[in-house]
Amino acid sequence: MKNTFIAGIVMVVLGAALLGYGYFNYTTTEQVLKIGPIVATAEKEHTVSFPPILGWLLVGGGICVLIFGAGSRKN
């Protein structure tokens, strides 16, 4: 029962975070030019975005897990 409660809370928190933020950025370093011992690099920023439906599904699923987890505790 306790694991169900924790899983439900985690799902709701992750869903709310996805709805609030929606994307994250990360940076990679790429080699652009190499002439002998001289190397030129460039940093490239990448953006990964999440669809809002994913956040809503996590929130709804977490609420369902909490409701059904509480219902099974009473029986």
N, C-alpha and C. Protein backbone atom coordinates (compact mmCIF):
# COMPACT_ATOMS: atom_id res chain seq x y z
N MET A 1 0.81 -1.18 0.00
CA MET A 1 0.00 0.00 0.00
C MET A 1 0.86 1.26 0.00
N LYS A 2 1.92 1.24 0.81
CA LYS A 2 2.77 2.41 0.90
C LYS A 2 3.50 2.66 -0.43
N ASN A 3 3.91 1.59 -1.11
CA ASN A 3 4.57 1.74 -2.41
C ASN A 3 3.63 2.35 -3.44
N THR A 4 2.37 1.99 -3.39
CA THR A 4 1.37 2.54 -4.29
C THR A 4 1.20 4.03 -4.05
N PHE A 5 1.16 4.42 -2.79
CA PHE A 5 1.03 5.83 -2.44
C PHE A 5 2.23 6.63 -2.94
N ILE A 6 3.43 6.11 -2.75
CA ILE A 6 4.65 6.80 -3.20
C ILE A 6 4.67 6.89 -4.72
N ALA A 7 4.30 5.83 -5.41
CA ALA A 7 4.28 5.85 -6.88
C ALA A 7 3.28 6.87 -7.39
N GLY A 8 2.12 6.97 -6.75
CA GLY A 8 1.12 7.95 -7.15
C GLY A 8 1.61 9.37 -6.97
N ILE A 9 2.24 9.64 -5.84
CA ILE A 9 2.78 10.98 -5.58
C ILE A 9 3.87 11.34 -6.58
N VAL A 10 4.75 10.39 -6.86
CA VAL A 10 5.84 10.64 -7.83
C VAL A 10 5.26 10.94 -9.21
N MET A 11 4.24 10.20 -9.61
CA MET A 11 3.62 10.44 -10.92
C MET A 11 2.99 11.82 -10.99
N VAL A 12 2.31 12.23 -9.94
CA VAL A 12 1.67 13.55 -9.93
C VAL A 12 2.73 14.65 -9.97
N VAL A 13 3.79 14.50 -9.20
CA VAL A 13 4.85 15.53 -9.16
C VAL A 13 5.56 15.62 -10.52
N LEU A 14 5.88 14.48 -11.13
CA LEU A 14 6.53 14.50 -12.44
C LEU A 14 5.62 15.10 -13.51
N GLY A 15 4.34 14.77 -13.46
CA GLY A 15 3.39 15.33 -14.42
C GLY A 15 3.27 16.84 -14.27
N ALA A 16 3.20 17.32 -13.03
CA ALA A 16 3.12 18.76 -12.79
C ALA A 16 4.40 19.46 -13.24
N ALA A 17 5.54 18.82 -13.03
CA ALA A 17 6.80 19.41 -13.48
C ALA A 17 6.85 19.50 -15.01
N LEU A 18 6.38 18.46 -15.68
CA LEU A 18 6.35 18.49 -17.15
C LEU A 18 5.40 19.57 -17.66
N LEU A 19 4.27 19.73 -17.00
CA LEU A 19 3.32 20.77 -17.42
C LEU A 19 3.89 22.16 -17.17
N GLY A 20 4.62 22.32 -16.08
CA GLY A 20 5.16 23.63 -15.74
C GLY A 20 6.37 24.01 -16.56
N TYR A 21 7.23 23.07 -16.83
CA TYR A 21 8.48 23.38 -17.53
C TYR A 21 8.40 23.00 -19.00
N GLY A 22 8.11 21.76 -19.31
CA GLY A 22 7.83 21.34 -20.68
C GLY A 22 9.00 21.00 -21.56
N TYR A 23 10.20 21.41 -21.21
CA TYR A 23 11.36 21.11 -22.05
C TYR A 23 12.63 21.20 -21.22
N PHE A 24 13.73 20.68 -21.75
CA PHE A 24 15.03 20.89 -21.13
C PHE A 24 16.08 21.03 -22.22
N ASN A 25 17.15 21.72 -21.88
CA ASN A 25 18.25 21.98 -22.81
C ASN A 25 19.50 21.27 -22.34
N TYR A 26 20.31 20.86 -23.29
CA TYR A 26 21.63 20.35 -22.97
C TYR A 26 22.60 20.79 -24.05
N THR A 27 23.88 20.85 -23.71
CA THR A 27 24.90 21.36 -24.61
C THR A 27 25.92 20.26 -24.90
N THR A 28 26.29 20.15 -26.18
CA THR A 28 27.34 19.22 -26.58
C THR A 28 28.48 20.01 -27.22
N THR A 29 29.66 19.46 -27.15
CA THR A 29 30.83 20.06 -27.79
C THR A 29 31.19 19.24 -29.01
N GLU A 30 31.28 19.91 -30.15
CA GLU A 30 31.59 19.22 -31.40
C GLU A 30 32.88 19.77 -31.99
N GLN A 31 33.66 18.89 -32.58
CA GLN A 31 34.89 19.30 -33.25
C GLN A 31 34.53 19.86 -34.62
N VAL A 32 34.93 21.09 -34.87
CA VAL A 32 34.59 21.76 -36.11
C VAL A 32 35.74 21.69 -37.10
N LEU A 33 36.96 21.87 -36.61
CA LEU A 33 38.12 21.96 -37.50
C LEU A 33 39.33 21.35 -36.81
N LYS A 34 40.12 20.60 -37.58
CA LYS A 34 41.36 20.05 -37.05
C LYS A 34 42.43 20.17 -38.11
N ILE A 35 43.43 20.96 -37.81
CA ILE A 35 44.58 21.14 -38.71
C ILE A 35 45.82 20.84 -37.89
N GLY A 36 46.38 19.67 -38.10
CA GLY A 36 47.55 19.27 -37.32
C GLY A 36 47.21 19.22 -35.84
N PRO A 37 48.01 19.91 -35.01
CA PRO A 37 47.74 19.90 -33.57
C PRO A 37 46.68 20.93 -33.15
N ILE A 38 46.20 21.75 -34.08
CA ILE A 38 45.23 22.78 -33.76
C ILE A 38 43.82 22.22 -33.96
N VAL A 39 43.00 22.34 -32.92
CA VAL A 39 41.63 21.82 -32.95
C VAL A 39 40.68 22.96 -32.58
N ALA A 40 39.65 23.13 -33.39
CA ALA A 40 38.61 24.12 -33.08
C ALA A 40 37.32 23.38 -32.75
N THR A 41 36.70 23.77 -31.65
CA THR A 41 35.45 23.14 -31.24
C THR A 41 34.34 24.19 -31.13
N ALA A 42 33.13 23.71 -31.16
CA ALA A 42 31.97 24.59 -31.00
C ALA A 42 30.97 23.91 -30.09
N GLU A 43 30.31 24.71 -29.27
CA GLU A 43 29.26 24.18 -28.40
C GLU A 43 27.92 24.34 -29.11
N LYS A 44 27.14 23.27 -29.09
CA LYS A 44 25.84 23.28 -29.74
C LYS A 44 24.78 22.97 -28.69
N GLU A 45 23.76 23.80 -28.64
CA GLU A 45 22.69 23.61 -27.67
C GLU A 45 21.53 22.86 -28.30
N HIS A 46 21.06 21.85 -27.59
CA HIS A 46 19.94 21.03 -28.05
C HIS A 46 18.77 21.21 -27.09
N THR A 47 17.56 21.21 -27.63
CA THR A 47 16.35 21.34 -26.82
C THR A 47 15.48 20.11 -27.03
N VAL A 48 15.05 19.52 -25.93
CA VAL A 48 14.12 18.39 -25.96
C VAL A 48 12.83 18.87 -25.31
N SER A 49 11.74 18.82 -26.07
CA SER A 49 10.46 19.27 -25.51
C SER A 49 9.52 18.08 -25.36
N PHE A 50 8.66 18.18 -24.36
CA PHE A 50 7.69 17.13 -24.07
C PHE A 50 6.30 17.62 -24.41
N PRO A 51 5.46 16.78 -24.98
CA PRO A 51 4.08 17.21 -25.26
C PRO A 51 3.29 17.37 -23.96
N PRO A 52 2.40 18.35 -23.90
CA PRO A 52 1.62 18.57 -22.67
C PRO A 52 0.74 17.37 -22.30
N ILE A 53 0.33 16.59 -23.27
CA ILE A 53 -0.52 15.44 -22.98
C ILE A 53 0.20 14.44 -22.06
N LEU A 54 1.53 14.37 -22.19
CA LEU A 54 2.30 13.48 -21.33
C LEU A 54 2.20 13.92 -19.87
N GLY A 55 2.28 15.21 -19.63
CA GLY A 55 2.12 15.72 -18.27
C GLY A 55 0.74 15.45 -17.72
N TRP A 56 -0.30 15.68 -18.55
CA TRP A 56 -1.67 15.42 -18.10
C TRP A 56 -1.90 13.94 -17.83
N LEU A 57 -1.32 13.08 -18.66
CA LEU A 57 -1.46 11.64 -18.42
C LEU A 57 -0.79 11.21 -17.12
N LEU A 58 0.37 11.78 -16.83
CA LEU A 58 1.04 11.44 -15.58
C LEU A 58 0.25 11.94 -14.37
N VAL A 59 -0.28 13.15 -14.45
CA VAL A 59 -1.08 13.67 -13.33
C VAL A 59 -2.34 12.82 -13.14
N GLY A 60 -3.06 12.56 -14.22
CA GLY A 60 -4.28 11.75 -14.13
C GLY A 60 -4.00 10.33 -13.66
N GLY A 61 -2.95 9.74 -14.19
CA GLY A 61 -2.59 8.38 -13.77
C GLY A 61 -2.17 8.34 -12.31
N GLY A 62 -1.44 9.35 -11.85
CA GLY A 62 -1.05 9.40 -10.45
C GLY A 62 -2.23 9.55 -9.53
N ILE A 63 -3.20 10.37 -9.93
CA ILE A 63 -4.41 10.53 -9.12
C ILE A 63 -5.18 9.21 -9.07
N CYS A 64 -5.28 8.52 -10.20
CA CYS A 64 -5.96 7.22 -10.22
C CYS A 64 -5.25 6.20 -9.33
N VAL A 65 -3.93 6.20 -9.37
CA VAL A 65 -3.18 5.28 -8.52
C VAL A 65 -3.42 5.60 -7.05
N LEU A 66 -3.47 6.88 -6.70
CA LEU A 66 -3.74 7.26 -5.31
C LEU A 66 -5.14 6.84 -4.89
N ILE A 67 -6.13 7.06 -5.75
CA ILE A 67 -7.51 6.71 -5.41
C ILE A 67 -7.66 5.20 -5.26
N PHE A 68 -7.16 4.44 -6.23
CA PHE A 68 -7.31 2.99 -6.16
C PHE A 68 -6.44 2.38 -5.06
N GLY A 69 -5.32 3.00 -4.77
CA GLY A 69 -4.48 2.53 -3.67
C GLY A 69 -5.16 2.75 -2.32
N ALA A 70 -5.84 3.89 -2.17
CA ALA A 70 -6.56 4.16 -0.93
C ALA A 70 -7.78 3.25 -0.81
N GLY A 71 -8.42 2.95 -1.94
CA GLY A 71 -9.58 2.05 -1.91
C GLY A 71 -9.20 0.63 -1.56
N SER A 72 -8.06 0.17 -2.02
CA SER A 72 -7.65 -1.20 -1.71
C SER A 72 -7.16 -1.32 -0.27
N ARG A 73 -6.77 -0.22 0.34
CA ARG A 73 -6.31 -0.26 1.73
C ARG A 73 -7.49 -0.49 2.68
N LYS A 74 -8.66 0.02 2.31
CA LYS A 74 -9.84 -0.14 3.17
C LYS A 74 -10.35 -1.57 3.18
N ASN A 75 -10.14 -2.31 2.11
CA ASN A 75 -10.67 -3.69 2.04
C ASN A 75 -9.78 -4.63 2.72
